Amino acid sequence: MASLLPESMGSLLGRRKKHVRKTMFQLFNAEFREHYIWRRDHFASSSYFNVPIVFMIMINSVMIGVEIDYARDAHGFMEKLPWFVTECIFCLVFVTELVLRLHQQGYDYFTDVWNMFDYSLVIMSINDVNMKLSAPPDANSSVGWSCLRILRILRVASAIKSLKAFNQLFLLIQGTLDSLRTVFWVACCVTVLVYCYAVALTTIVGQDYAIRDKWYLADAYVGSVPKSMLTVLQVLTFDNWTSDIARPLMEYAKEDVSLLATCIIVLCIIMLSFGTLNILVGVMVERIGHLAKEHQESTSAVMEKTEDVLLASIQEDFRKCAQKQGKTEIDLRDFKKLIRTQSVSHKLKLLSINSAEAESLFELMDADQSGTLSPDEFTSGVKRVKGPARGTDLVKLISFSQRSCIRAALFVDRLRVLNDKVDEIQSRLNQVGYMLTLELQDRRRQEDRCDETWKTAAKKQMMSCWLDNHRAQEFPALVASTVDDLLHSLKKE
């Protein structure tokens, strides 16, 4: 059997829920998944239907204003026939919309306040057309009944609530409507204060006949309590209050009366303009912000449910992959193959996680550092990556930071020791270099001495050769006997 969906489509779209006690009919008002999908895919839920309806409502509102301006001099039914045909076309469009929405939602259509408002306006439009058809040819339609057609512009608010592009506008409208109770009580408070200030002005200024003789508009502004209330409203809205009210009072009234009237006007501005009306604006802004927060929370809840479904599906894929290999966990190689499949890759993209990013998160998800990853570890890891930081996560981060700081301090100490050793080695190398420099200088001196010795030996050899040649030339017999003695000694040997 298909699964039941106890939530309505409005709650899935982020509609604001009121904390009211549900009836037994609402508790048992569940629907099958097929019925929910049929409603979601219905033509009345698509933007191709809702956007033209919004434009038709706006065009109808514009046509009502054009009709009032250009058909005021028309008398009888025949002169107003083009406008009547236009009204019939709009009425047919709205009736068609009503039928389609009833076909989509059924009896649930009447459980929404906006739908009841739409239904009432369509019935009013049909009655207006019937009255024009049943009226005599020369009779004019009721002006008051025709003016109610302008209320159709309010149907824009109900039509745009299902369009994502107009969510902010719908929040403004809904916040304004929810603030009507506050607006009513603020209006009551303002009315009481305006009445009090009007009584004070009428008592102090309106009953002073000297001011009436000098200021010819005194009776129009402060002649009675209702007139004084209108004067206070003029001061409240800053509508030429200085030139029409404040300056004449200061010019024509006595000093004490002028001072009291000026104090009343200043208090009116401070309490009503700067106080009460700003409170009203603040309440409306606060209500709109509260609605926006509720809308964001409901959207976040729907997104969280969707992410849970995606994680459960990916977890099932993990189990199937592990069962194929007869294991309960998968290693890094199988993990890379799995996340690159089309189905898992698409699910990860829906979770805003790329495949490359998922590969880099393998070590972070492997909580027990076993080199393998279980489905539960993957699910908890993705939740930690996607979800907000919790207290335990912050504690882990703080402890990791502290351990890193301690390790960094140890590394710094080791680097200092190594630096001292390097300095010692550098000093020794400097000494070795100095000794090598001295040795090179000694070798150079020895080479110079060796060169001088060879030069001296060469000179001695040359001198010896010269002496031998000179002796051979001067004493040849001695040289010959010396040669014969050498040969004779060589033979003996």
Foldseek 3Di string as FASTA:
>chain_A
DADKDLDAPCLLQLHDDDPDDDDPCSNPPIDGPVLRVCLCPQPLLDPVNLVVLLVLLVVVLVLLVVCVVPVPPPFFDVSCVVVLVVLVVSLVSLVVSLVSVCVNQPPVLVVDPLSVVSVVLSVLSVVQSVCSVPDDGGDDGDPVSSVCNSCSNVNSLVSCCSPPVCVLVNLLVVLVVVCVVVVVVLVVVLVVLLLVLLVVCLVLPLPDVQLVVVPVCSCQQNVDSVSVSVLLVCLLVVPCNVVPPLVSLCVRPDPVSSVVNVVSSVVSNCCRNVNSVVVSVVSSVVSSVVSVVSSVVSNVVSVVVVLVVLLVVVLVVQCVLQVVVPHQWAALVSLLVSCPDPVNQVSVVSLVAHSVNVSVCPCVLPPVPPRIHGSVSSSVSSCCVRDDDDPVNVVVVVVVVVVVVVVVVVVVVVVVVVVVVVVVVVVVVVVVVVVVVVVVVVVVVVVVVVVVVVVVVVVVVVVVVVVVVVCCVVPVVVVVVVVVVVVVVVVVD
